[in-house]
Structure formats: C-alpha cells, structure tokens
Amino acid sequence: MTRRPSSRAFTLLELLVALAVLALVSMAVFTQGGNTTRQLHDLEQRTLARWVAENEVAKRQLARLVEPEPVRTGVSRDLVSYGDRAWRVVTDTESTDYPDLHRLEITVYAVEGGSEVGPVDILTTFLGEH
C-alpha cells in the first residue's frame, strides 16, 4: 500500500478567514484616510477664517490711523474673498465701560453655493482710541 504525500496547501476555510481579515483591515485604513482628509479640510478652513478675522481687525486699526474718527458701534456685514473662497464677516462693535475702548466680536462664515456655512471662527478683541 502506497502512502500519499501530505498536502501543505491552505484550505478553503483558511483562505476565507485571511480574506475577511484583509477586508476588515482595508476598511479601517480607508475610513481613517477619509477622516484625515476631512480633518485637514476643516483645519484649512478654520485657519483661513482666522486670517480673515485678523485681517478685519488690522483693517479697522489702519483705518483709525488714517482717519481718527470715533468708532461706530453696531453690527456690520461684509463679503470678503480670501484664499479663492468667499467669506461673510459679521462684526459686532460694542462700547465698554471705558470710553476709549471698544469690544469687537468678529464672526466669519464660509459662503458655499450662495449660503453661509458656520460660523467657522469667532474672534473677540478690543480696539482702543489711542
């Protein structure tokens, strides 16, 4: 009686388990890649929005140097283009207990498809008369 040599190949069950593990790992990698891309987009948008808000503060400070007139209180809304994107800048200027000091709250919205998204960033600062 001759003996058959034992086979050293993988069984069908072992191949199916290996494919299932590979599929799970692939899904985890692609999901994490998507999350990273989304986080990068959000970080870019928040950074640009902060720059838009800081530019608004600088614009108001420079305007005070050119034309030293009293700071107007109230809410102003401007549409700004920055970083190849449109931004809505809402500035709320309020008086404080000190007559030479005003509080600015600058809220920046992204404008996508004609509608405002956000607020993406809110910057609160103070503007002095001197």
Protein backbone atom coordinates (compact mmCIF):
# COMPACT_ATOMS: atom_id res chain seq x y z
CA MET A 1 0.00 0.00 0.00
CA THR A 2 1.42 3.31 -1.04
CA ARG A 3 1.00 6.30 1.07
CA ARG A 4 0.01 9.64 -0.43
CA PRO A 5 2.23 12.54 0.46
CA SER A 6 0.55 15.01 2.82
CA SER A 7 -0.51 18.26 1.24
CA ARG A 8 0.90 21.52 2.58
CA ALA A 9 -1.56 23.89 0.83
CA PHE A 10 -4.06 26.24 2.50
CA THR A 11 -7.59 25.03 2.95
CA LEU A 12 -10.55 26.97 1.61
CA LEU A 13 -11.56 27.96 5.14
CA GLU A 14 -8.12 29.42 5.86
CA LEU A 15 -8.26 31.46 2.65
CA LEU A 16 -11.72 32.81 3.52
CA VAL A 17 -10.56 33.84 7.00
CA ALA A 18 -7.50 35.56 5.53
CA LEU A 19 -9.67 37.46 3.02
CA ALA A 20 -12.06 38.53 5.78
CA VAL A 21 -9.17 39.87 7.87
CA LEU A 22 -7.76 41.69 4.82
CA ALA A 23 -11.17 43.23 4.10
CA LEU A 24 -11.53 44.49 7.69
CA VAL A 25 -8.05 45.99 7.71
CA SER A 26 -8.66 47.66 4.33
CA MET A 27 -11.93 49.19 5.56
CA ALA A 28 -10.20 50.58 8.65
CA VAL A 29 -7.38 52.09 6.57
CA PHE A 30 -9.76 53.75 4.09
CA THR A 31 -12.02 55.06 6.86
CA GLN A 32 -9.05 56.58 8.67
CA GLY A 33 -7.83 58.10 5.40
CA GLY A 34 -11.23 59.73 4.88
CA ASN A 35 -11.24 61.07 8.44
CA THR A 36 -7.77 62.52 7.98
CA THR A 37 -8.80 64.24 4.75
CA ARG A 38 -11.90 65.71 6.41
CA GLN A 39 -9.86 66.95 9.39
CA LEU A 40 -7.32 68.54 7.06
CA HIS A 41 -10.10 70.37 5.18
CA ASP A 42 -11.63 71.60 8.45
CA LEU A 43 -8.24 72.78 9.72
CA GLU A 44 -7.56 74.63 6.47
CA GLN A 45 -10.97 76.30 6.61
CA ARG A 46 -10.57 77.35 10.27
CA THR A 47 -7.08 78.73 9.58
CA LEU A 48 -8.29 80.79 6.62
CA ALA A 49 -11.28 82.04 8.63
CA ARG A 50 -8.96 83.16 11.45
CA TRP A 51 -6.81 85.04 8.95
CA VAL A 52 -9.93 86.72 7.55
CA ALA A 53 -10.93 87.81 11.07
CA GLU A 54 -7.42 89.08 11.87
CA ASN A 55 -7.37 90.99 8.57
CA GLU A 56 -10.63 92.67 9.60
CA VAL A 57 -9.03 93.79 12.88
CA ALA A 58 -5.96 95.10 11.03
CA LYS A 59 -8.18 96.93 8.53
CA ARG A 60 -10.03 98.70 11.35
CA GLN A 61 -6.79 99.58 13.14
CA LEU A 62 -5.30 101.05 9.96
CA ALA A 63 -8.50 102.98 9.25
CA ARG A 64 -8.18 104.57 12.70
CA LEU A 65 -4.64 105.72 11.84
CA VAL A 66 -5.69 107.23 8.51
CA GLU A 67 -8.91 108.87 9.71
CA PRO A 68 -9.05 109.20 13.51
CA GLU A 69 -12.79 109.42 13.99
CA PRO A 70 -14.91 107.86 16.75
CA VAL A 71 -15.50 104.13 16.48
CA ARG A 72 -19.02 103.34 15.31
CA THR A 73 -20.91 100.77 17.36
CA GLY A 74 -23.31 98.27 15.84
CA VAL A 75 -23.21 95.29 13.50
CA SER A 76 -21.66 95.33 10.04
CA ARG A 77 -21.74 92.56 7.43
CA ASP A 78 -19.15 92.29 4.68
CA LEU A 79 -18.46 89.78 1.92
CA VAL A 80 -14.74 89.07 1.56
CA SER A 81 -12.77 86.96 -0.91
CA TYR A 82 -9.74 85.25 0.58
CA GLY A 83 -7.89 82.08 -0.38
CA ASP A 84 -10.05 81.66 -3.52
CA ARG A 85 -13.10 81.41 -1.27
CA ALA A 86 -15.94 83.70 -0.26
CA TRP A 87 -16.39 84.62 3.41
CA ARG A 88 -19.11 86.51 5.25
CA VAL A 89 -17.62 88.70 8.00
CA VAL A 90 -20.04 89.89 10.69
CA THR A 91 -18.51 92.44 13.06
CA ASP A 92 -20.34 93.44 16.24
CA THR A 93 -18.79 96.57 17.76
CA GLU A 94 -19.84 97.43 21.31
CA SER A 95 -18.93 100.15 23.78
CA THR A 96 -17.29 99.20 27.06
CA ASP A 97 -17.19 100.84 30.48
CA TYR A 98 -14.12 102.71 29.25
CA PRO A 99 -14.97 105.34 26.63
CA ASP A 100 -11.71 104.87 24.69
CA LEU A 101 -12.08 101.09 24.41
CA HIS A 102 -14.47 99.11 22.18
CA ARG A 103 -15.16 95.39 22.03
CA LEU A 104 -15.17 93.73 18.61
CA GLU A 105 -16.66 90.30 18.02
CA ILE A 106 -15.84 89.15 14.51
CA THR A 107 -17.73 86.11 13.25
CA VAL A 108 -16.59 84.52 9.99
CA TYR A 109 -18.84 82.29 7.88
CA ALA A 110 -17.83 80.35 4.78
CA VAL A 111 -20.04 81.09 1.78
CA GLU A 112 -20.68 77.95 -0.27
CA GLY A 113 -23.25 77.84 -3.02
CA GLY A 114 -24.65 81.22 -2.02
CA SER A 115 -25.42 80.21 1.57
CA GLU A 116 -23.48 80.82 4.76
CA VAL A 117 -21.88 77.83 6.49
CA GLY A 118 -20.70 78.13 10.04
CA PRO A 119 -19.67 80.14 11.93
CA VAL A 120 -16.22 78.86 11.06
CA ASP A 121 -14.42 81.17 13.50
CA ILE A 122 -15.24 83.82 16.11
CA LEU A 123 -12.59 86.32 17.18
CA THR A 124 -13.16 88.66 20.12
CA THR A 125 -10.76 91.57 20.55
CA PHE A 126 -10.65 95.16 21.75
CA LEU A 127 -9.98 98.33 19.80
CA GLY A 128 -8.66 101.41 21.58
CA GLU A 129 -8.93 105.05 20.63
CA HIS A 130 -5.20 105.67 21.11
